[in-house]
Full PDB file with SEQRES, HELIX, SHEET, SSBOND, CRYST1, ORIGX, SCALE, CONECT and MASTER records, all heavy atoms in Angstrom:
SEQRES   1 A   33  ILE ILE ALA GLN MET GLY ILE THR ASP MET ARG LEU PRO          
SEQRES   2 A   33  ILE GLN TYR ALA PHE ALA TYR PRO ASP ARG TRP ASP ALA          
SEQRES   3 A   33  PRO VAL PRO PHE LEU ASP LEU                                  
HELIX    1 AA1 ARG A   11  ALA A   19  1                                   9    
CRYST1    1.000    1.000    1.000  90.00  90.00  90.00 P 1           1          
ORIGX1      1.000000  0.000000  0.000000        0.00000                         
ORIGX2      0.000000  1.000000  0.000000        0.00000                         
ORIGX3      0.000000  0.000000  1.000000        0.00000                         
SCALE1      1.000000  0.000000  0.000000        0.00000                         
SCALE2      0.000000  1.000000  0.000000        0.00000                         
SCALE3      0.000000  0.000000  1.000000        0.00000                         
ATOM      1  N   ILE A   1      -7.355  -0.740  18.667  1.00  0.00           N  
ATOM      2  CA  ILE A   1      -7.536  -1.375  17.362  1.00  0.00           C  
ATOM      3  C   ILE A   1      -6.597  -0.711  16.387  1.00  0.00           C  
ATOM      4  O   ILE A   1      -6.621   0.580  16.225  1.00  0.00           O  
ATOM      5  CB  ILE A   1      -8.998  -1.265  16.835  1.00  0.00           C  
ATOM      6  CG1 ILE A   1      -9.906  -2.095  17.783  1.00  0.00           C  
ATOM      7  CG2 ILE A   1      -9.125  -1.682  15.426  1.00  0.00           C  
ATOM      8  CD1 ILE A   1     -11.385  -2.046  17.376  1.00  0.00           C  
ATOM      9  N   ILE A   2      -5.795  -1.436  15.704  1.00  0.00           N  
ATOM     10  CA  ILE A   2      -4.856  -0.998  14.684  1.00  0.00           C  
ATOM     11  C   ILE A   2      -5.467  -1.388  13.321  1.00  0.00           C  
ATOM     12  O   ILE A   2      -5.785  -2.522  13.045  1.00  0.00           O  
ATOM     13  CB  ILE A   2      -3.471  -1.643  14.822  1.00  0.00           C  
ATOM     14  CG1 ILE A   2      -2.973  -1.544  16.238  1.00  0.00           C  
ATOM     15  CG2 ILE A   2      -2.509  -1.030  13.814  1.00  0.00           C  
ATOM     16  CD1 ILE A   2      -2.774  -0.153  16.759  1.00  0.00           C  
ATOM     17  N   ALA A   3      -5.663  -0.386  12.466  1.00  0.00           N  
ATOM     18  CA  ALA A   3      -6.316  -0.602  11.141  1.00  0.00           C  
ATOM     19  C   ALA A   3      -5.308  -0.254  10.024  1.00  0.00           C  
ATOM     20  O   ALA A   3      -4.504   0.684  10.207  1.00  0.00           O  
ATOM     21  CB  ALA A   3      -7.566   0.209  11.022  1.00  0.00           C  
ATOM     22  N   GLN A   4      -5.427  -0.958   8.957  1.00  0.00           N  
ATOM     23  CA  GLN A   4      -4.667  -0.557   7.760  1.00  0.00           C  
ATOM     24  C   GLN A   4      -5.658  -0.074   6.712  1.00  0.00           C  
ATOM     25  O   GLN A   4      -6.646  -0.682   6.399  1.00  0.00           O  
ATOM     26  CB  GLN A   4      -3.903  -1.786   7.204  1.00  0.00           C  
ATOM     27  CG  GLN A   4      -2.896  -1.444   6.075  1.00  0.00           C  
ATOM     28  CD  GLN A   4      -3.508  -1.436   4.672  1.00  0.00           C  
ATOM     29  OE1 GLN A   4      -4.413  -2.247   4.404  1.00  0.00           O  
ATOM     30  NE2 GLN A   4      -2.995  -0.637   3.765  1.00  0.00           N  
ATOM     31  N   MET A   5      -5.402   1.172   6.270  1.00  0.00           N  
ATOM     32  CA  MET A   5      -6.317   1.858   5.332  1.00  0.00           C  
ATOM     33  C   MET A   5      -5.585   2.200   4.062  1.00  0.00           C  
ATOM     34  O   MET A   5      -4.373   2.315   4.084  1.00  0.00           O  
ATOM     35  CB  MET A   5      -6.879   3.114   5.928  1.00  0.00           C  
ATOM     36  CG  MET A   5      -7.540   2.909   7.292  1.00  0.00           C  
ATOM     37  SD  MET A   5      -7.906   4.484   8.159  1.00  0.00           S  
ATOM     38  CE  MET A   5      -9.169   5.177   7.077  1.00  0.00           C  
ATOM     39  N   GLY A   6      -6.303   2.253   2.965  1.00  0.00           N  
ATOM     40  CA  GLY A   6      -5.697   2.631   1.666  1.00  0.00           C  
ATOM     41  C   GLY A   6      -6.751   2.557   0.589  1.00  0.00           C  
ATOM     42  O   GLY A   6      -7.885   2.094   0.781  1.00  0.00           O  
ATOM     43  N   ILE A   7      -6.361   2.992  -0.596  1.00  0.00           N  
ATOM     44  CA  ILE A   7      -7.309   2.898  -1.702  1.00  0.00           C  
ATOM     45  C   ILE A   7      -7.429   1.473  -2.117  1.00  0.00           C  
ATOM     46  O   ILE A   7      -6.665   0.601  -1.753  1.00  0.00           O  
ATOM     47  CB  ILE A   7      -6.822   3.779  -2.902  1.00  0.00           C  
ATOM     48  CG1 ILE A   7      -5.491   3.225  -3.425  1.00  0.00           C  
ATOM     49  CG2 ILE A   7      -6.637   5.258  -2.501  1.00  0.00           C  
ATOM     50  CD1 ILE A   7      -5.128   3.873  -4.722  1.00  0.00           C  
ATOM     51  N   THR A   8      -8.529   1.178  -2.894  1.00  0.00           N  
ATOM     52  CA  THR A   8      -8.755  -0.172  -3.375  1.00  0.00           C  
ATOM     53  C   THR A   8      -7.965  -0.448  -4.622  1.00  0.00           C  
ATOM     54  O   THR A   8      -8.494  -0.283  -5.733  1.00  0.00           O  
ATOM     55  CB  THR A   8     -10.314  -0.349  -3.579  1.00  0.00           C  
ATOM     56  OG1 THR A   8     -10.740   0.606  -4.463  1.00  0.00           O  
ATOM     57  CG2 THR A   8     -11.086  -0.311  -2.267  1.00  0.00           C  
ATOM     58  N   ASP A   9      -6.771  -0.852  -4.502  1.00  0.00           N  
ATOM     59  CA  ASP A   9      -5.853  -1.150  -5.599  1.00  0.00           C  
ATOM     60  C   ASP A   9      -4.942  -2.293  -5.179  1.00  0.00           C  
ATOM     61  O   ASP A   9      -4.145  -2.217  -4.278  1.00  0.00           O  
ATOM     62  CB  ASP A   9      -5.028   0.073  -5.955  1.00  0.00           C  
ATOM     63  CG  ASP A   9      -4.368  -0.035  -7.270  1.00  0.00           C  
ATOM     64  OD1 ASP A   9      -3.791  -1.111  -7.579  1.00  0.00           O  
ATOM     65  OD2 ASP A   9      -4.408   0.931  -8.116  1.00  0.00           O  
ATOM     66  N   MET A  10      -5.008  -3.417  -5.928  1.00  0.00           N  
ATOM     67  CA  MET A  10      -4.278  -4.607  -5.500  1.00  0.00           C  
ATOM     68  C   MET A  10      -2.793  -4.447  -5.747  1.00  0.00           C  
ATOM     69  O   MET A  10      -1.967  -5.228  -5.241  1.00  0.00           O  
ATOM     70  CB  MET A  10      -4.781  -5.824  -6.325  1.00  0.00           C  
ATOM     71  CG  MET A  10      -6.039  -6.447  -5.794  1.00  0.00           C  
ATOM     72  SD  MET A  10      -5.966  -6.846  -3.979  1.00  0.00           S  
ATOM     73  CE  MET A  10      -4.649  -8.059  -3.981  1.00  0.00           C  
ATOM     74  N   ARG A  11      -2.358  -3.405  -6.479  1.00  0.00           N  
ATOM     75  CA  ARG A  11      -0.939  -3.182  -6.580  1.00  0.00           C  
ATOM     76  C   ARG A  11      -0.297  -2.876  -5.237  1.00  0.00           C  
ATOM     77  O   ARG A  11       0.942  -3.184  -5.094  1.00  0.00           O  
ATOM     78  CB  ARG A  11      -0.709  -2.020  -7.592  1.00  0.00           C  
ATOM     79  CG  ARG A  11      -1.010  -2.401  -9.053  1.00  0.00           C  
ATOM     80  CD  ARG A  11      -0.898  -1.235  -9.981  1.00  0.00           C  
ATOM     81  NE  ARG A  11      -1.841  -0.178  -9.664  1.00  0.00           N  
ATOM     82  CZ  ARG A  11      -1.912   0.962 -10.356  1.00  0.00           C  
ATOM     83  NH1 ARG A  11      -1.064   1.237 -11.357  1.00  0.00           N  
ATOM     84  NH2 ARG A  11      -2.848   1.868 -10.074  1.00  0.00           N  
ATOM     85  N   LEU A  12      -1.021  -2.322  -4.318  1.00  0.00           N  
ATOM     86  CA  LEU A  12      -0.386  -1.961  -3.017  1.00  0.00           C  
ATOM     87  C   LEU A  12      -0.013  -3.201  -2.260  1.00  0.00           C  
ATOM     88  O   LEU A  12       1.156  -3.372  -1.825  1.00  0.00           O  
ATOM     89  CB  LEU A  12      -1.339  -1.116  -2.235  1.00  0.00           C  
ATOM     90  CG  LEU A  12      -1.513   0.367  -2.710  1.00  0.00           C  
ATOM     91  CD1 LEU A  12      -2.598   1.097  -1.933  1.00  0.00           C  
ATOM     92  CD2 LEU A  12      -0.169   1.080  -2.594  1.00  0.00           C  
ATOM     93  N   PRO A  13      -0.912  -4.182  -1.978  1.00  0.00           N  
ATOM     94  CA  PRO A  13      -0.457  -5.417  -1.280  1.00  0.00           C  
ATOM     95  C   PRO A  13       0.512  -6.252  -2.080  1.00  0.00           C  
ATOM     96  O   PRO A  13       1.451  -6.909  -1.478  1.00  0.00           O  
ATOM     97  CB  PRO A  13      -1.767  -6.176  -1.038  1.00  0.00           C  
ATOM     98  CG  PRO A  13      -2.708  -5.652  -1.988  1.00  0.00           C  
ATOM     99  CD  PRO A  13      -2.390  -4.185  -2.201  1.00  0.00           C  
ATOM    100  N   ILE A  14       0.422  -6.271  -3.371  1.00  0.00           N  
ATOM    101  CA  ILE A  14       1.440  -6.985  -4.186  1.00  0.00           C  
ATOM    102  C   ILE A  14       2.819  -6.312  -4.014  1.00  0.00           C  
ATOM    103  O   ILE A  14       3.793  -7.042  -3.787  1.00  0.00           O  
ATOM    104  CB  ILE A  14       1.037  -6.989  -5.669  1.00  0.00           C  
ATOM    105  CG1 ILE A  14      -0.227  -7.780  -5.860  1.00  0.00           C  
ATOM    106  CG2 ILE A  14       2.177  -7.502  -6.533  1.00  0.00           C  
ATOM    107  CD1 ILE A  14      -0.894  -7.602  -7.224  1.00  0.00           C  
ATOM    108  N   GLN A  15       2.891  -5.028  -4.117  1.00  0.00           N  
ATOM    109  CA  GLN A  15       4.162  -4.348  -3.957  1.00  0.00           C  
ATOM    110  C   GLN A  15       4.708  -4.573  -2.569  1.00  0.00           C  
ATOM    111  O   GLN A  15       5.940  -4.740  -2.325  1.00  0.00           O  
ATOM    112  CB  GLN A  15       3.990  -2.851  -4.270  1.00  0.00           C  
ATOM    113  CG  GLN A  15       5.344  -2.110  -4.064  1.00  0.00           C  
ATOM    114  CD  GLN A  15       5.200  -0.667  -4.503  1.00  0.00           C  
ATOM    115  OE1 GLN A  15       4.933  -0.368  -5.650  1.00  0.00           O  
ATOM    116  NE2 GLN A  15       5.434   0.291  -3.592  1.00  0.00           N  
ATOM    117  N   TYR A  16       3.835  -4.557  -1.540  1.00  0.00           N  
ATOM    118  CA  TYR A  16       4.317  -4.782  -0.162  1.00  0.00           C  
ATOM    119  C   TYR A  16       4.998  -6.134  -0.052  1.00  0.00           C  
ATOM    120  O   TYR A  16       6.019  -6.265   0.598  1.00  0.00           O  
ATOM    121  CB  TYR A  16       3.083  -4.688   0.807  1.00  0.00           C  
ATOM    122  CG  TYR A  16       3.419  -5.000   2.242  1.00  0.00           C  
ATOM    123  CD1 TYR A  16       3.891  -4.007   3.101  1.00  0.00           C  
ATOM    124  CD2 TYR A  16       3.203  -6.274   2.751  1.00  0.00           C  
ATOM    125  CE1 TYR A  16       4.184  -4.279   4.434  1.00  0.00           C  
ATOM    126  CE2 TYR A  16       3.511  -6.535   4.089  1.00  0.00           C  
ATOM    127  CZ  TYR A  16       4.019  -5.551   4.915  1.00  0.00           C  
ATOM    128  OH  TYR A  16       4.258  -5.864   6.239  1.00  0.00           O  
ATOM    129  N   ALA A  17       4.363  -7.159  -0.666  1.00  0.00           N  
ATOM    130  CA  ALA A  17       4.931  -8.512  -0.564  1.00  0.00           C  
ATOM    131  C   ALA A  17       6.293  -8.601  -1.311  1.00  0.00           C  
ATOM    132  O   ALA A  17       7.236  -9.179  -0.895  1.00  0.00           O  
ATOM    133  CB  ALA A  17       3.991  -9.483  -1.164  1.00  0.00           C  
ATOM    134  N   PHE A  18       6.352  -7.902  -2.465  1.00  0.00           N  
ATOM    135  CA  PHE A  18       7.640  -7.892  -3.270  1.00  0.00           C  
ATOM    136  C   PHE A  18       8.754  -7.119  -2.523  1.00  0.00           C  
ATOM    137  O   PHE A  18       9.872  -7.521  -2.520  1.00  0.00           O  
ATOM    138  CB  PHE A  18       7.371  -7.248  -4.636  1.00  0.00           C  
ATOM    139  CG  PHE A  18       6.699  -8.160  -5.619  1.00  0.00           C  
ATOM    140  CD1 PHE A  18       6.243  -7.687  -6.841  1.00  0.00           C  
ATOM    141  CD2 PHE A  18       6.524  -9.498  -5.380  1.00  0.00           C  
ATOM    142  CE1 PHE A  18       5.567  -8.421  -7.740  1.00  0.00           C  
ATOM    143  CE2 PHE A  18       5.910 -10.335  -6.316  1.00  0.00           C  
ATOM    144  CZ  PHE A  18       5.419  -9.762  -7.476  1.00  0.00           C  
ATOM    145  N   ALA A  19       8.372  -5.989  -1.839  1.00  0.00           N  
ATOM    146  CA  ALA A  19       9.355  -5.163  -1.248  1.00  0.00           C  
ATOM    147  C   ALA A  19       9.747  -5.596   0.158  1.00  0.00           C  
ATOM    148  O   ALA A  19      10.816  -5.212   0.669  1.00  0.00           O  
ATOM    149  CB  ALA A  19       8.816  -3.713  -1.221  1.00  0.00           C  
ATOM    150  N   TYR A  20       8.866  -6.353   0.867  1.00  0.00           N  
ATOM    151  CA  TYR A  20       9.049  -6.688   2.213  1.00  0.00           C  
ATOM    152  C   TYR A  20      10.490  -7.170   2.524  1.00  0.00           C  
ATOM    153  O   TYR A  20      11.075  -7.989   1.807  1.00  0.00           O  
ATOM    154  CB  TYR A  20       8.071  -7.784   2.619  1.00  0.00           C  
ATOM    155  CG  TYR A  20       8.069  -8.123   4.110  1.00  0.00           C  
ATOM    156  CD1 TYR A  20       7.396  -7.318   5.056  1.00  0.00           C  
ATOM    157  CD2 TYR A  20       8.775  -9.205   4.543  1.00  0.00           C  
ATOM    158  CE1 TYR A  20       7.368  -7.600   6.367  1.00  0.00           C  
ATOM    159  CE2 TYR A  20       8.751  -9.514   5.886  1.00  0.00           C  
ATOM    160  CZ  TYR A  20       8.100  -8.697   6.814  1.00  0.00           C  
ATOM    161  OH  TYR A  20       8.142  -9.046   8.173  1.00  0.00           O  
ATOM    162  N   PRO A  21      11.122  -6.674   3.619  1.00  0.00           N  
ATOM    163  CA  PRO A  21      10.546  -5.810   4.664  1.00  0.00           C  
ATOM    164  C   PRO A  21      10.630  -4.306   4.401  1.00  0.00           C  
ATOM    165  O   PRO A  21      10.413  -3.515   5.286  1.00  0.00           O  
ATOM    166  CB  PRO A  21      11.385  -6.165   5.874  1.00  0.00           C  
ATOM    167  CG  PRO A  21      12.747  -6.483   5.315  1.00  0.00           C  
ATOM    168  CD  PRO A  21      12.472  -7.135   3.969  1.00  0.00           C  
ATOM    169  N   ASP A  22      11.054  -3.934   3.175  1.00  0.00           N  
ATOM    170  CA  ASP A  22      11.198  -2.502   2.828  1.00  0.00           C  
ATOM    171  C   ASP A  22       9.816  -1.980   2.331  1.00  0.00           C  
ATOM    172  O   ASP A  22       8.877  -2.731   2.109  1.00  0.00           O  
ATOM    173  CB  ASP A  22      12.250  -2.324   1.779  1.00  0.00           C  
ATOM    174  CG  ASP A  22      13.638  -2.764   2.285  1.00  0.00           C  
ATOM    175  OD1 ASP A  22      13.934  -2.612   3.480  1.00  0.00           O  
ATOM    176  OD2 ASP A  22      14.382  -3.312   1.430  1.00  0.00           O  
ATOM    177  N   ARG A  23       9.787  -0.665   2.152  1.00  0.00           N  
ATOM    178  CA  ARG A  23       8.615  -0.031   1.457  1.00  0.00           C  
ATOM    179  C   ARG A  23       9.095   0.837   0.346  1.00  0.00           C  
ATOM    180  O   ARG A  23      10.186   1.526   0.523  1.00  0.00           O  
ATOM    181  CB  ARG A  23       7.806   0.757   2.495  1.00  0.00           C  
ATOM    182  CG  ARG A  23       6.925  -0.042   3.443  1.00  0.00           C  
ATOM    183  CD  ARG A  23       6.016   0.816   4.213  1.00  0.00           C  
ATOM    184  NE  ARG A  23       5.260   0.032   5.204  1.00  0.00           N  
ATOM    185  CZ  ARG A  23       4.094  -0.483   5.037  1.00  0.00           C  
ATOM    186  NH1 ARG A  23       3.479  -0.274   3.881  1.00  0.00           N  
ATOM    187  NH2 ARG A  23       3.489  -1.177   5.991  1.00  0.00           N  
ATOM    188  N   TRP A  24       8.432   0.788  -0.754  1.00  0.00           N  
ATOM    189  CA  TRP A  24       8.789   1.584  -1.921  1.00  0.00           C  
ATOM    190  C   TRP A  24       7.706   2.604  -2.204  1.00  0.00           C  
ATOM    191  O   TRP A  24       6.514   2.433  -1.805  1.00  0.00           O  
ATOM    192  CB  TRP A  24       8.928   0.679  -3.148  1.00  0.00           C  
ATOM    193  CG  TRP A  24       9.972  -0.421  -3.027  1.00  0.00           C  
ATOM    194  CD1 TRP A  24      11.029  -0.414  -2.138  1.00  0.00           C  
ATOM    195  CD2 TRP A  24       9.996  -1.601  -3.774  1.00  0.00           C  
ATOM    196  NE1 TRP A  24      11.761  -1.617  -2.352  1.00  0.00           N  
ATOM    197  CE2 TRP A  24      11.129  -2.368  -3.332  1.00  0.00           C  
ATOM    198  CE3 TRP A  24       9.167  -2.174  -4.744  1.00  0.00           C  
ATOM    199  CZ2 TRP A  24      11.457  -3.563  -3.897  1.00  0.00           C  
ATOM    200  CZ3 TRP A  24       9.536  -3.396  -5.275  1.00  0.00           C  
ATOM    201  CH2 TRP A  24      10.703  -4.127  -4.807  1.00  0.00           C  
ATOM    202  N   ASP A  25       7.984   3.621  -3.013  1.00  0.00           N  
ATOM    203  CA  ASP A  25       6.983   4.490  -3.537  1.00  0.00           C  
ATOM    204  C   ASP A  25       6.043   3.694  -4.368  1.00  0.00           C  
ATOM    205  O   ASP A  25       6.481   2.738  -5.082  1.00  0.00           O  
ATOM    206  CB  ASP A  25       7.600   5.599  -4.392  1.00  0.00           C  
ATOM    207  CG  ASP A  25       8.416   6.588  -3.533  1.00  0.00           C  
ATOM    208  OD1 ASP A  25       8.171   6.672  -2.342  1.00  0.00           O  
ATOM    209  OD2 ASP A  25       9.309   7.209  -4.136  1.00  0.00           O  
ATOM    210  N   ALA A  26       4.770   4.068  -4.379  1.00  0.00           N  
ATOM    211  CA  ALA A  26       3.745   3.274  -5.129  1.00  0.00           C  
ATOM    212  C   ALA A  26       3.136   4.053  -6.273  1.00  0.00           C  
ATOM    213  O   ALA A  26       2.951   5.304  -6.139  1.00  0.00           O  
ATOM    214  CB  ALA A  26       2.625   2.816  -4.181  1.00  0.00           C  
ATOM    215  N   PRO A  27       2.838   3.360  -7.376  1.00  0.00           N  
ATOM    216  CA  PRO A  27       2.273   4.104  -8.592  1.00  0.00           C  
ATOM    217  C   PRO A  27       0.748   4.280  -8.480  1.00  0.00           C  
ATOM    218  O   PRO A  27       0.041   4.032  -9.415  1.00  0.00           O  
ATOM    219  CB  PRO A  27       2.643   3.142  -9.731  1.00  0.00           C  
ATOM    220  CG  PRO A  27       2.535   1.792  -9.075  1.00  0.00           C  
ATOM    221  CD  PRO A  27       3.026   1.980  -7.663  1.00  0.00           C  
ATOM    222  N   VAL A  28       0.253   4.656  -7.295  1.00  0.00           N  
ATOM    223  CA  VAL A  28      -1.209   4.833  -7.095  1.00  0.00           C  
ATOM    224  C   VAL A  28      -1.479   6.106  -6.385  1.00  0.00           C  
ATOM    225  O   VAL A  28      -0.551   6.638  -5.704  1.00  0.00           O  
ATOM    226  CB  VAL A  28      -1.729   3.624  -6.268  1.00  0.00           C  
ATOM    227  CG1 VAL A  28      -1.497   2.289  -6.952  1.00  0.00           C  
ATOM    228  CG2 VAL A  28      -1.108   3.545  -4.854  1.00  0.00           C  
ATOM    229  N   PRO A  29      -2.692   6.639  -6.478  1.00  0.00           N  
ATOM    230  CA  PRO A  29      -3.044   7.836  -5.690  1.00  0.00           C  
ATOM    231  C   PRO A  29      -3.021   7.567  -4.210  1.00  0.00           C  
ATOM    232  O   PRO A  29      -3.382   6.463  -3.786  1.00  0.00           O  
ATOM    233  CB  PRO A  29      -4.462   8.182  -6.211  1.00  0.00           C  
ATOM    234  CG  PRO A  29      -4.638   7.403  -7.448  1.00  0.00           C  
ATOM    235  CD  PRO A  29      -3.788   6.163  -7.313  1.00  0.00           C  
ATOM    236  N   PHE A  30      -2.727   8.558  -3.432  1.00  0.00           N  
ATOM    237  CA  PHE A  30      -2.777   8.407  -1.949  1.00  0.00           C  
ATOM    238  C   PHE A  30      -4.243   8.571  -1.491  1.00  0.00           C  
ATOM    239  O   PHE A  30      -5.058   9.208  -2.197  1.00  0.00           O  
ATOM    240  CB  PHE A  30      -1.901   9.460  -1.287  1.00  0.00           C  
ATOM    241  CG  PHE A  30      -0.453   9.099  -1.323  1.00  0.00           C  
ATOM    242  CD1 PHE A  30       0.066   8.107  -2.136  1.00  0.00           C  
ATOM    243  CD2 PHE A  30       0.475   9.804  -0.552  1.00  0.00           C  
ATOM    244  CE1 PHE A  30       1.376   7.755  -2.170  1.00  0.00           C  
ATOM    245  CE2 PHE A  30       1.841   9.522  -0.587  1.00  0.00           C  
ATOM    246  CZ  PHE A  30       2.293   8.494  -1.394  1.00  0.00           C  
ATOM    247  N   LEU A  31      -4.567   7.974  -0.407  1.00  0.00           N  
ATOM    248  CA  LEU A  31      -5.907   8.106   0.203  1.00  0.00           C  
ATOM    249  C   LEU A  31      -6.119   9.508   0.813  1.00  0.00           C  
ATOM    250  O   LEU A  31      -5.334   9.964   1.598  1.00  0.00           O  
ATOM    251  CB  LEU A  31      -6.079   7.025   1.270  1.00  0.00           C  
ATOM    252  CG  LEU A  31      -7.402   7.045   2.024  1.00  0.00           C  
ATOM    253  CD1 LEU A  31      -8.549   6.700   1.062  1.00  0.00           C  
ATOM    254  CD2 LEU A  31      -7.397   6.053   3.158  1.00  0.00           C  
ATOM    255  N   ASP A  32      -7.145  10.169   0.313  1.00  0.00           N  
ATOM    256  CA  ASP A  32      -7.493  11.525   0.832  1.00  0.00           C  
ATOM    257  C   ASP A  32      -8.585  11.375   1.868  1.00  0.00           C  
ATOM    258  O   ASP A  32      -9.777  11.191   1.532  1.00  0.00           O  
ATOM    259  CB  ASP A  32      -7.941  12.401  -0.312  1.00  0.00           C  
ATOM    260  CG  ASP A  32      -8.210  13.855   0.132  1.00  0.00           C  
ATOM    261  OD1 ASP A  32      -8.155  14.135   1.380  1.00  0.00           O  
ATOM    262  OD2 ASP A  32      -8.460  14.683  -0.705  1.00  0.00           O  
ATOM    263  N   LEU A  33      -8.229  11.407   3.136  1.00  0.00           N  
ATOM    264  CA  LEU A  33      -9.247  11.189   4.211  1.00  0.00           C  
ATOM    265  C   LEU A  33     -10.289  12.290   4.228  1.00  0.00           C  
ATOM    266  O   LEU A  33     -11.479  12.014   4.659  1.00  0.00           O  
ATOM    267  CB  LEU A  33      -8.518  11.102   5.593  1.00  0.00           C  
ATOM    268  CG  LEU A  33      -7.702   9.844   5.749  1.00  0.00           C  
ATOM    269  CD1 LEU A  33      -6.908  10.006   7.121  1.00  0.00           C  
ATOM    270  CD2 LEU A  33      -8.511   8.590   5.801  1.00  0.00           C  
TER     271      LEU A  33                                                      
MASTER        0    0    0    1    0    0    0    6  270    1    0    3          
END                                                                             
């Protein structure tokens, strides 16, 4: 099972769609497991 995890902030999926297929630094806190 492959899971995608992250904080609950819609800026992350929005930025992913804008940047795709690249990835950019994000203006959100990182998930602290």
